[in-house]
Amino acid sequence: MTVLAVFHSTVRLEEKLLLEAARTKGVEVRLRDIREEVLDPRSFPLDFDVALERSVSTVKGDYLIAFLESLGAPVINTAAVARACGDKFQTSLLLERAGVPTPRFALAFGLEPARAAVARLGGYPVVVKPPLGSWGRLLAKINDDDALEAVLEHKDVLGTPPQKAFYIQEFVRKPGRDVRAFVFGRETRCAIARESAHWITNTARGGSARNYPLTAELRDVCARAAAAVGEGLLAVDLFETPDGLTVNEVNHTMEFRNSEMPTGYPIAGAVVDYALARAKGRA
């Protein structure tokens, strides 16, 4: 019997769905709280065939993935994919280099360079976001120079070191929604539209989800985005624009609690199947 280890920091609904799907498939699951682990390469128990990294903490998850890979254990996602997706600036660079449609962006370390970046991106409004972060937190829509100065001063004085790197993105006028697609390898299995009256449409911020059709364009753009970051189990966030779909971010520890019902697709079961294939060297 294949043994699946699920490393977590909080057992969310996603982890419960994964446990249920694994047990239905006859897969033995070992829940391991990453906060209680001792990452000692000489004594760490590799009592599993494949691992899923599901930590809420990006820092803890990244260290765990690197550690498991150093021991030769298969882990989803890989350290390379985690690095590519965990930092929004790094993700944007990879998408840009691969020719994947993505909003214009720049990084600056001070107010005057940030003002210059805004001008090069076409002027206000722009979005300032932390390079490291999730759930739509600490995003700011900047409408004028006064707001830019205030937000950057707060980040510079009160923020952590990553907050002092100012990631600036052009503001994309989306039609009250964005799109999240669930990609396995390079294959898009299902997608949702996240709708909200607010310009931030994350379901973590109150956005509602409904099924989104898997068009040829969506499949193509998502496959190219997945290839750019190294493939794996990914949630690709996209905007609809007059020129077509553009990739905003790629997430490597995807949340799907609000997506199985509207799409009708068993995401948790598909994640378990992907992990089993990885254990057998087929994914």
C-alpha atoms as a PDB file:
ATOM      1  CA  MET A   1       0.000   0.000   0.000  1.00  0.00           C
ATOM      2  CA  THR A   2       1.288   3.452  -0.918  1.00  0.00           C
ATOM      3  CA  VAL A   3       1.798   5.721   2.080  1.00  0.00           C
ATOM      4  CA  LEU A   4       1.039   9.408   1.601  1.00  0.00           C
ATOM      5  CA  ALA A   5       2.401  11.923   4.086  1.00  0.00           C
ATOM      6  CA  VAL A   6       0.519  15.211   4.384  1.00  0.00           C
ATOM      7  CA  PHE A   7       2.663  17.838   6.085  1.00  0.00           C
ATOM      8  CA  HIS A   8       0.473  20.606   7.485  1.00  0.00           C
ATOM      9  CA  SER A   9       0.450  23.448   9.960  1.00  0.00           C
ATOM     10  CA  THR A  10      -3.344  23.650  10.227  1.00  0.00           C
ATOM     11  CA  VAL A  11      -5.830  20.981   9.200  1.00  0.00           C
ATOM     12  CA  ARG A  12      -8.119  23.005   6.965  1.00  0.00           C
ATOM     13  CA  LEU A  13     -11.089  21.777   4.968  1.00  0.00           C
ATOM     14  CA  GLU A  14      -8.686  21.046   2.070  1.00  0.00           C
ATOM     15  CA  GLU A  15      -6.668  18.642   4.191  1.00  0.00           C
ATOM     16  CA  LYS A  16      -9.841  16.949   5.416  1.00  0.00           C
ATOM     17  CA  LEU A  17     -10.978  16.493   1.822  1.00  0.00           C
ATOM     18  CA  LEU A  18      -7.570  15.047   0.919  1.00  0.00           C
ATOM     19  CA  LEU A  19      -7.767  12.594   3.828  1.00  0.00           C
ATOM     20  CA  GLU A  20     -11.238  11.479   2.804  1.00  0.00           C
ATOM     21  CA  ALA A  21     -10.228  11.048  -0.840  1.00  0.00           C
ATOM     22  CA  ALA A  22      -7.088   9.082   0.077  1.00  0.00           C
ATOM     23  CA  ARG A  23      -8.946   6.716   2.376  1.00  0.00           C
ATOM     24  CA  THR A  24     -11.603   6.158  -0.282  1.00  0.00           C
ATOM     25  CA  LYS A  25      -8.816   5.103  -2.654  1.00  0.00           C
ATOM     26  CA  GLY A  26      -7.252   2.788  -0.069  1.00  0.00           C
ATOM     27  CA  VAL A  27      -4.221   4.993   0.450  1.00  0.00           C
ATOM     28  CA  GLU A  28      -2.650   5.122   3.896  1.00  0.00           C
ATOM     29  CA  VAL A  29      -2.261   8.711   5.047  1.00  0.00           C
ATOM     30  CA  ARG A  30       0.071  10.045   7.706  1.00  0.00           C
ATOM     31  CA  LEU A  31      -0.745  13.524   8.937  1.00  0.00           C
ATOM     32  CA  ARG A  32       2.387  15.249  10.163  1.00  0.00           C
ATOM     33  CA  ASP A  33       2.339  18.673  11.779  1.00  0.00           C
ATOM     34  CA  ILE A  34       5.277  20.575  10.336  1.00  0.00           C
ATOM     35  CA  ARG A  35       5.525  22.626  13.540  1.00  0.00           C
ATOM     36  CA  GLU A  36       6.435  19.483  15.499  1.00  0.00           C
ATOM     37  CA  GLU A  37       9.033  18.101  13.082  1.00  0.00           C
ATOM     38  CA  VAL A  38      12.770  18.029  13.679  1.00  0.00           C
ATOM     39  CA  LEU A  39      14.473  18.322  10.292  1.00  0.00           C
ATOM     40  CA  ASP A  40      17.553  16.301  11.185  1.00  0.00           C
ATOM     41  CA  PRO A  41      18.883  14.457   8.103  1.00  0.00           C
ATOM     42  CA  ARG A  42      20.413  11.674  10.223  1.00  0.00           C
ATOM     43  CA  SER A  43      17.272  10.745  12.138  1.00  0.00           C
ATOM     44  CA  PHE A  44      14.260  11.926  10.137  1.00  0.00           C
ATOM     45  CA  PRO A  45      11.784   9.060   9.547  1.00  0.00           C
ATOM     46  CA  LEU A  46      11.060   8.572   5.851  1.00  0.00           C
ATOM     47  CA  ASP A  47       8.076   6.341   6.560  1.00  0.00           C
ATOM     48  CA  PHE A  48       6.130   7.334   3.463  1.00  0.00           C
ATOM     49  CA  ASP A  49       6.280   6.969  -0.307  1.00  0.00           C
ATOM     50  CA  VAL A  50       5.379  10.520  -1.318  1.00  0.00           C
ATOM     51  CA  ALA A  51       4.743  13.767   0.539  1.00  0.00           C
ATOM     52  CA  LEU A  52       2.300  16.615   0.047  1.00  0.00           C
ATOM     53  CA  GLU A  53       3.442  19.958   1.479  1.00  0.00           C
ATOM     54  CA  ARG A  54       0.325  21.727   2.767  1.00  0.00           C
ATOM     55  CA  SER A  55       1.700  24.200   5.287  1.00  0.00           C
ATOM     56  CA  VAL A  56      -0.049  27.556   5.634  1.00  0.00           C
ATOM     57  CA  SER A  57       3.391  29.042   6.323  1.00  0.00           C
ATOM     58  CA  THR A  58       5.393  29.548   3.136  1.00  0.00           C
ATOM     59  CA  VAL A  59       8.663  29.728   5.088  1.00  0.00           C
ATOM     60  CA  LYS A  60       8.077  26.461   6.935  1.00  0.00           C
ATOM     61  CA  GLY A  61       6.847  24.771   3.775  1.00  0.00           C
ATOM     62  CA  ASP A  62       9.852  25.862   1.721  1.00  0.00           C
ATOM     63  CA  TYR A  63      12.309  24.576   4.320  1.00  0.00           C
ATOM     64  CA  LEU A  64      10.449  21.264   4.525  1.00  0.00           C
ATOM     65  CA  ILE A  65      10.452  20.773   0.752  1.00  0.00           C
ATOM     66  CA  ALA A  66      14.169  21.509   0.468  1.00  0.00           C
ATOM     67  CA  PHE A  67      14.863  19.147   3.351  1.00  0.00           C
ATOM     68  CA  LEU A  68      12.817  16.266   1.934  1.00  0.00           C
ATOM     69  CA  GLU A  69      14.392  16.663  -1.487  1.00  0.00           C
ATOM     70  CA  SER A  70      17.855  16.533   0.114  1.00  0.00           C
ATOM     71  CA  LEU A  71      16.903  13.102   1.463  1.00  0.00           C
ATOM     72  CA  GLY A  72      15.691  11.947  -1.940  1.00  0.00           C
ATOM     73  CA  ALA A  73      12.023  11.840  -0.938  1.00  0.00           C
ATOM     74  CA  PRO A  74       9.420  12.736  -3.598  1.00  0.00           C
ATOM     75  CA  VAL A  75       7.496  15.824  -2.504  1.00  0.00           C
ATOM     76  CA  ILE A  76       4.790  17.902  -4.129  1.00  0.00           C
ATOM     77  CA  ASN A  77       5.508  20.532  -5.148  1.00  0.00           C
ATOM     78  CA  THR A  78       9.230  20.599  -5.771  1.00  0.00           C
ATOM     79  CA  ALA A  79      11.567  23.165  -4.253  1.00  0.00           C
ATOM     80  CA  ALA A  80      12.111  24.737  -7.672  1.00  0.00           C
ATOM     81  CA  VAL A  81       8.373  25.220  -8.187  1.00  0.00           C
ATOM     82  CA  ALA A  82       7.938  26.555  -4.632  1.00  0.00           C
ATOM     83  CA  ARG A  83      10.684  29.118  -5.223  1.00  0.00           C
ATOM     84  CA  ALA A  84       9.184  30.131  -8.556  1.00  0.00           C
ATOM     85  CA  CYS A  85       5.676  30.614  -7.170  1.00  0.00           C
ATOM     86  CA  GLY A  86       6.362  31.776  -3.621  1.00  0.00           C
ATOM     87  CA  ASP A  87       7.777  35.120  -4.712  1.00  0.00           C
ATOM     88  CA  LYS A  88       5.482  37.145  -6.987  1.00  0.00           C
ATOM     89  CA  PHE A  89       8.382  39.055  -8.552  1.00  0.00           C
ATOM     90  CA  GLN A  90      10.177  35.808  -9.391  1.00  0.00           C
ATOM     91  CA  THR A  91       6.948  34.407 -10.843  1.00  0.00           C
ATOM     92  CA  SER A  92       6.447  37.492 -12.989  1.00  0.00           C
ATOM     93  CA  LEU A  93      10.015  37.312 -14.266  1.00  0.00           C
ATOM     94  CA  LEU A  94       9.566  33.678 -15.305  1.00  0.00           C
ATOM     95  CA  LEU A  95       6.242  34.391 -17.016  1.00  0.00           C
ATOM     96  CA  GLU A  96       7.715  37.384 -18.833  1.00  0.00           C
ATOM     97  CA  ARG A  97      10.745  35.437 -19.993  1.00  0.00           C
ATOM     98  CA  ALA A  98       8.546  32.597 -21.264  1.00  0.00           C
ATOM     99  CA  GLY A  99       6.324  34.981 -23.202  1.00  0.00           C
ATOM    100  CA  VAL A 100       3.245  34.172 -21.115  1.00  0.00           C
ATOM    101  CA  PRO A 101       0.719  37.050 -21.072  1.00  0.00           C
ATOM    102  CA  THR A 102       1.049  38.800 -17.703  1.00  0.00           C
ATOM    103  CA  PRO A 103       0.390  42.341 -16.445  1.00  0.00           C
ATOM    104  CA  ARG A 104       3.287  44.790 -16.665  1.00  0.00           C
ATOM    105  CA  PHE A 105       5.260  45.018 -13.436  1.00  0.00           C
ATOM    106  CA  ALA A 106       8.349  46.498 -11.847  1.00  0.00           C
ATOM    107  CA  LEU A 107      10.253  46.318  -8.560  1.00  0.00           C
ATOM    108  CA  ALA A 108      11.669  49.334  -6.742  1.00  0.00           C
ATOM    109  CA  PHE A 109      13.406  49.945  -3.419  1.00  0.00           C
ATOM    110  CA  GLY A 110      12.600  53.617  -2.830  1.00  0.00           C
ATOM    111  CA  LEU A 111       9.981  56.281  -3.445  1.00  0.00           C
ATOM    112  CA  GLU A 112      11.605  58.010  -6.405  1.00  0.00           C
ATOM    113  CA  PRO A 113      12.307  54.758  -8.291  1.00  0.00           C
ATOM    114  CA  ALA A 114       8.722  53.717  -7.497  1.00  0.00           C
ATOM    115  CA  ARG A 115       7.419  56.938  -9.038  1.00  0.00           C
ATOM    116  CA  ALA A 116       9.515  56.262 -12.115  1.00  0.00           C
ATOM    117  CA  ALA A 117       8.123  52.710 -12.246  1.00  0.00           C
ATOM    118  CA  VAL A 118       4.542  54.015 -12.137  1.00  0.00           C
ATOM    119  CA  ALA A 119       5.276  56.299 -15.079  1.00  0.00           C
ATOM    120  CA  ARG A 120       6.783  53.457 -17.086  1.00  0.00           C
ATOM    121  CA  LEU A 121       3.764  51.248 -16.323  1.00  0.00           C
ATOM    122  CA  GLY A 122       1.430  53.858 -17.796  1.00  0.00           C
ATOM    123  CA  GLY A 123       0.563  55.920 -14.741  1.00  0.00           C
ATOM    124  CA  TYR A 124      -2.027  55.579 -11.993  1.00  0.00           C
ATOM    125  CA  PRO A 125      -3.801  53.537 -10.848  1.00  0.00           C
ATOM    126  CA  VAL A 126      -1.329  50.771 -10.018  1.00  0.00           C
ATOM    127  CA  VAL A 127      -1.334  47.933  -7.522  1.00  0.00           C
ATOM    128  CA  VAL A 128       1.363  47.647  -4.863  1.00  0.00           C
ATOM    129  CA  LYS A 129       1.605  44.187  -3.369  1.00  0.00           C
ATOM    130  CA  PRO A 130       4.086  42.319  -1.186  1.00  0.00           C
ATOM    131  CA  PRO A 131       6.339  39.954  -3.159  1.00  0.00           C
ATOM    132  CA  LEU A 132       5.617  37.330  -0.489  1.00  0.00           C
ATOM    133  CA  GLY A 133       2.011  36.896   0.580  1.00  0.00           C
ATOM    134  CA  SER A 134      -1.369  35.294  -0.052  1.00  0.00           C
ATOM    135  CA  TRP A 135      -5.132  35.622   0.376  1.00  0.00           C
ATOM    136  CA  GLY A 136      -5.145  39.105  -1.117  1.00  0.00           C
ATOM    137  CA  ARG A 137      -3.605  40.617   2.020  1.00  0.00           C
ATOM    138  CA  LEU A 138      -1.707  43.921   2.018  1.00  0.00           C
ATOM    139  CA  LEU A 139      -2.644  44.730  -1.573  1.00  0.00           C
ATOM    140  CA  ALA A 140      -3.104  48.432  -2.229  1.00  0.00           C
ATOM    141  CA  LYS A 141      -4.682  50.107  -5.226  1.00  0.00           C
ATOM    142  CA  ILE A 142      -2.741  53.346  -5.623  1.00  0.00           C
ATOM    143  CA  ASN A 143      -4.622  56.143  -7.377  1.00  0.00           C
ATOM    144  CA  ASP A 144      -2.222  59.060  -7.005  1.00  0.00           C
ATOM    145  CA  ASP A 145       1.212  60.148  -5.899  1.00  0.00           C
ATOM    146  CA  ASP A 146       0.134  61.046  -2.366  1.00  0.00           C
ATOM    147  CA  ALA A 147      -1.189  57.533  -1.786  1.00  0.00           C
ATOM    148  CA  LEU A 148       1.984  55.996  -3.202  1.00  0.00           C
ATOM    149  CA  GLU A 149       4.146  58.032  -0.847  1.00  0.00           C
ATOM    150  CA  ALA A 150       2.016  57.143   2.193  1.00  0.00           C
ATOM    151  CA  VAL A 151       1.844  53.413   1.494  1.00  0.00           C
ATOM    152  CA  LEU A 152       5.541  53.069   0.724  1.00  0.00           C
ATOM    153  CA  GLU A 153       6.499  55.023   3.839  1.00  0.00           C
ATOM    154  CA  HIS A 154       4.429  52.679   5.992  1.00  0.00           C
ATOM    155  CA  LYS A 155       6.019  49.649   4.343  1.00  0.00           C
ATOM    156  CA  ASP A 156       9.500  51.071   4.735  1.00  0.00           C
ATOM    157  CA  VAL A 157       9.097  51.978   8.425  1.00  0.00           C
ATOM    158  CA  LEU A 158       6.828  49.210   9.687  1.00  0.00           C
ATOM    159  CA  GLY A 159       7.309  46.356   7.252  1.00  0.00           C
ATOM    160  CA  THR A 160       9.461  43.250   7.332  1.00  0.00           C
ATOM    161  CA  PRO A 161      12.463  43.146   4.950  1.00  0.00           C
ATOM    162  CA  PRO A 162      10.429  41.651   2.056  1.00  0.00           C
ATOM    163  CA  GLN A 163       7.921  44.510   2.456  1.00  0.00           C
ATOM    164  CA  LYS A 164      10.698  46.978   1.664  1.00  0.00           C
ATOM    165  CA  ALA A 165      10.889  45.590  -1.877  1.00  0.00           C
ATOM    166  CA  PHE A 166       8.062  47.406  -3.637  1.00  0.00           C
ATOM    167  CA  TYR A 167       6.427  45.174  -6.245  1.00  0.00           C
ATOM    168  CA  ILE A 168       4.309  47.394  -8.494  1.00  0.00           C
ATOM    169  CA  GLN A 169       1.866  46.043 -11.072  1.00  0.00           C
ATOM    170  CA  GLU A 170      -0.300  47.791 -13.610  1.00  0.00           C
ATOM    171  CA  PHE A 171      -3.947  47.913 -12.584  1.00  0.00           C
ATOM    172  CA  VAL A 172      -6.022  45.601 -14.780  1.00  0.00           C
ATOM    173  CA  ARG A 173      -9.660  46.623 -15.122  1.00  0.00           C
ATOM    174  CA  LYS A 174     -11.345  43.238 -14.838  1.00  0.00           C
ATOM    175  CA  PRO A 175     -15.090  42.635 -15.287  1.00  0.00           C
ATOM    176  CA  GLY A 176     -15.882  42.179 -11.584  1.00  0.00           C
ATOM    177  CA  ARG A 177     -14.135  38.810 -11.477  1.00  0.00           C
ATOM    178  CA  ASP A 178     -10.941  36.927 -12.068  1.00  0.00           C
ATOM    179  CA  VAL A 179     -10.300  33.306 -12.975  1.00  0.00           C
ATOM    180  CA  ARG A 180      -8.596  30.562 -11.000  1.00  0.00           C
ATOM    181  CA  ALA A 181      -7.614  27.448 -12.948  1.00  0.00           C
ATOM    182  CA  PHE A 182      -6.416  24.195 -11.379  1.00  0.00           C
ATOM    183  CA  VAL A 183      -3.518  22.720 -13.300  1.00  0.00           C
ATOM    184  CA  PHE A 184      -2.029  19.243 -12.890  1.00  0.00           C
ATOM    185  CA  GLY A 185       1.313  19.100 -14.643  1.00  0.00           C
ATOM    186  CA  ARG A 186       0.363  21.158 -17.692  1.00  0.00           C
ATOM    187  CA  GLU A 187      -3.259  20.012 -17.872  1.00  0.00           C
ATOM    188  CA  THR A 188      -6.052  22.321 -16.728  1.00  0.00           C
ATOM    189  CA  ARG A 189      -8.703  20.180 -15.041  1.00  0.00           C
ATOM    190  CA  CYS A 190     -11.239  22.777 -13.900  1.00  0.00           C
ATOM    191  CA  ALA A 191     -11.595  26.496 -13.241  1.00  0.00           C
ATOM    192  CA  ILE A 192     -13.708  28.962 -11.326  1.00  0.00           C
ATOM    193  CA  ALA A 193     -14.626  32.605 -11.771  1.00  0.00           C
ATOM    194  CA  ARG A 194     -14.216  34.525  -8.526  1.00  0.00           C
ATOM    195  CA  GLU A 195     -16.704  37.387  -8.420  1.00  0.00           C
ATOM    196  CA  SER A 196     -16.877  40.370  -6.099  1.00  0.00           C
ATOM    197  CA  ALA A 197     -17.975  43.997  -6.071  1.00  0.00           C
ATOM    198  CA  HIS A 198     -14.556  44.764  -4.573  1.00  0.00           C
ATOM    199  CA  TRP A 199     -11.531  45.033  -6.845  1.00  0.00           C
ATOM    200  CA  ILE A 200      -9.917  42.192  -4.852  1.00  0.00           C
ATOM    201  CA  THR A 201     -11.885  39.083  -5.833  1.00  0.00           C
ATOM    202  CA  ASN A 202     -10.177  36.365  -3.744  1.00  0.00           C
ATOM    203  CA  THR A 203     -12.652  34.004  -2.101  1.00  0.00           C
ATOM    204  CA  ALA A 204     -10.597  34.476   1.079  1.00  0.00           C
ATOM    205  CA  ARG A 205     -11.779  38.093   0.942  1.00  0.00           C
ATOM    206  CA  GLY A 206     -15.436  37.247   0.363  1.00  0.00           C
ATOM    207  CA  GLY A 207     -15.555  36.629  -3.373  1.00  0.00           C
ATOM    208  CA  SER A 208     -18.045  34.044  -4.649  1.00  0.00           C
ATOM    209  CA  ALA A 209     -17.095  31.171  -6.949  1.00  0.00           C
ATOM    210  CA  ARG A 210     -18.831  29.706  -9.959  1.00  0.00           C
ATOM    211  CA  ASN A 211     -17.739  27.351 -12.705  1.00  0.00           C
ATOM    212  CA  TYR A 212     -15.664  28.784 -15.548  1.00  0.00           C
ATOM    213  CA  PRO A 213     -15.521  27.019 -18.924  1.00  0.00           C
ATOM    214  CA  LEU A 214     -12.293  25.330 -20.005  1.00  0.00           C
ATOM    215  CA  THR A 215     -11.689  27.129 -23.268  1.00  0.00           C
ATOM    216  CA  ALA A 216      -8.827  26.376 -25.624  1.00  0.00           C
ATOM    217  CA  GLU A 217      -7.285  29.740 -24.712  1.00  0.00           C
ATOM    218  CA  LEU A 218      -7.457  29.005 -20.983  1.00  0.00           C
ATOM    219  CA  ARG A 219      -5.853  25.595 -21.431  1.00  0.00           C
ATOM    220  CA  ASP A 220      -3.081  27.021 -23.588  1.00  0.00           C
ATOM    221  CA  VAL A 221      -2.210  29.966 -21.347  1.00  0.00           C
ATOM    222  CA  CYS A 222      -2.273  27.807 -18.204  1.00  0.00           C
ATOM    223  CA  ALA A 223      -0.085  25.124 -19.796  1.00  0.00           C
ATOM    224  CA  ARG A 224       2.468  27.778 -20.732  1.00  0.00           C
ATOM    225  CA  ALA A 225       2.338  29.315 -17.256  1.00  0.00           C
ATOM    226  CA  ALA A 226       2.816  25.903 -15.634  1.00  0.00           C
ATOM    227  CA  ALA A 227       5.774  25.164 -17.878  1.00  0.00           C
ATOM    228  CA  ALA A 228       7.316  28.535 -17.004  1.00  0.00           C
ATOM    229  CA  VAL A 229       7.373  27.775 -13.265  1.00  0.00           C
ATOM    230  CA  GLY A 230       8.298  24.099 -13.589  1.00  0.00           C
ATOM    231  CA  GLU A 231       4.932  22.268 -13.527  1.00  0.00           C
ATOM    232  CA  GLY A 232       3.241  20.567 -10.583  1.00  0.00           C
ATOM    233  CA  LEU A 233      -0.039  20.986  -8.714  1.00  0.00           C
ATOM    234  CA  LEU A 234      -0.833  24.623  -9.380  1.00  0.00           C
ATOM    235  CA  ALA A 235      -3.587  27.191  -9.128  1.00  0.00           C
ATOM    236  CA  VAL A 236      -3.190  29.765 -11.888  1.00  0.00           C
ATOM    237  CA  ASP A 237      -4.909  33.113 -11.358  1.00  0.00           C
ATOM    238  CA  LEU A 238      -5.830  35.032 -14.499  1.00  0.00           C
ATOM    239  CA  PHE A 239      -7.515  38.250 -15.587  1.00  0.00           C
ATOM    240  CA  GLU A 240      -9.810  38.636 -18.579  1.00  0.00           C
ATOM    241  CA  THR A 241      -8.794  41.603 -20.747  1.00  0.00           C
ATOM    242  CA  PRO A 242      -9.806  42.900 -24.190  1.00  0.00           C
ATOM    243  CA  ASP A 243      -6.606  41.297 -25.504  1.00  0.00           C
ATOM    244  CA  GLY A 244      -7.297  37.906 -23.918  1.00  0.00           C
ATOM    245  CA  LEU A 245      -6.358  36.121 -20.719  1.00  0.00           C
ATOM    246  CA  THR A 246      -3.345  37.321 -18.741  1.00  0.00           C
ATOM    247  CA  VAL A 247      -1.740  35.473 -15.825  1.00  0.00           C
ATOM    248  CA  ASN A 248      -1.639  37.367 -12.550  1.00  0.00           C
ATOM    249  CA  GLU A 249      -0.083  34.782 -10.206  1.00  0.00           C
ATOM    250  CA  VAL A 250       0.684  31.077  -9.897  1.00  0.00           C
ATOM    251  CA  ASN A 251       0.118  29.356  -6.544  1.00  0.00           C
ATOM    252  CA  HIS A 252       1.938  26.189  -5.504  1.00  0.00           C
ATOM    253  CA  THR A 253      -0.034  25.273  -2.347  1.00  0.00           C
ATOM    254  CA  MET A 254      -3.482  25.632  -3.799  1.00  0.00           C
ATOM    255  CA  GLU A 255      -6.668  26.015  -1.816  1.00  0.00           C
ATOM    256  CA  PHE A 256      -9.763  24.480  -3.350  1.00  0.00           C
ATOM    257  CA  ARG A 257     -12.471  24.326  -0.682  1.00  0.00           C
ATOM    258  CA  ASN A 258     -14.700  26.690  -2.648  1.00  0.00           C
ATOM    259  CA  SER A 259     -14.044  25.083  -6.017  1.00  0.00           C
ATOM    260  CA  GLU A 260     -15.160  21.456  -5.951  1.00  0.00           C
ATOM    261  CA  MET A 261     -18.862  22.237  -5.675  1.00  0.00           C
ATOM    262  CA  PRO A 262     -19.164  24.860  -8.453  1.00  0.00           C
ATOM    263  CA  THR A 263     -16.938  22.934 -10.872  1.00  0.00           C
ATOM    264  CA  GLY A 264     -18.236  19.465 -10.041  1.00  0.00           C
ATOM    265  CA  TYR A 265     -14.647  18.232 -10.283  1.00  0.00           C
ATOM    266  CA  PRO A 266     -13.163  16.072  -7.473  1.00  0.00           C
ATOM    267  CA  ILE A 267     -10.019  18.141  -6.947  1.00  0.00           C
ATOM    268  CA  ALA A 268      -8.988  16.358  -3.741  1.00  0.00           C
ATOM    269  CA  GLY A 269      -9.188  12.948  -5.412  1.00  0.00           C
ATOM    270  CA  ALA A 270      -7.223  14.213  -8.394  1.00  0.00           C
ATOM    271  CA  VAL A 271      -4.524  15.567  -6.057  1.00  0.00           C
ATOM    272  CA  VAL A 272      -4.223  12.147  -4.412  1.00  0.00           C
ATOM    273  CA  ASP A 273      -4.014  10.449  -7.826  1.00  0.00           C
ATOM    274  CA  TYR A 274      -1.281  12.879  -8.878  1.00  0.00           C
ATOM    275  CA  ALA A 275       0.649  12.106  -5.675  1.00  0.00           C
ATOM    276  CA  LEU A 276       0.360   8.365  -6.305  1.00  0.00           C
ATOM    277  CA  ALA A 277       1.647   8.849  -9.827  1.00  0.00           C
ATOM    278  CA  ARG A 278       4.592  10.848  -8.452  1.00  0.00           C
ATOM    279  CA  ALA A 279       5.330   8.025  -5.996  1.00  0.00           C
ATOM    280  CA  LYS A 280       5.503   5.629  -8.936  1.00  0.00           C
ATOM    281  CA  GLY A 281       7.582   8.000 -11.060  1.00  0.00           C
ATOM    282  CA  ARG A 282       4.832   8.761 -13.560  1.00  0.00           C
ATOM    283  CA  ALA A 283       4.234  12.449 -12.756  1.00  0.00           C
END
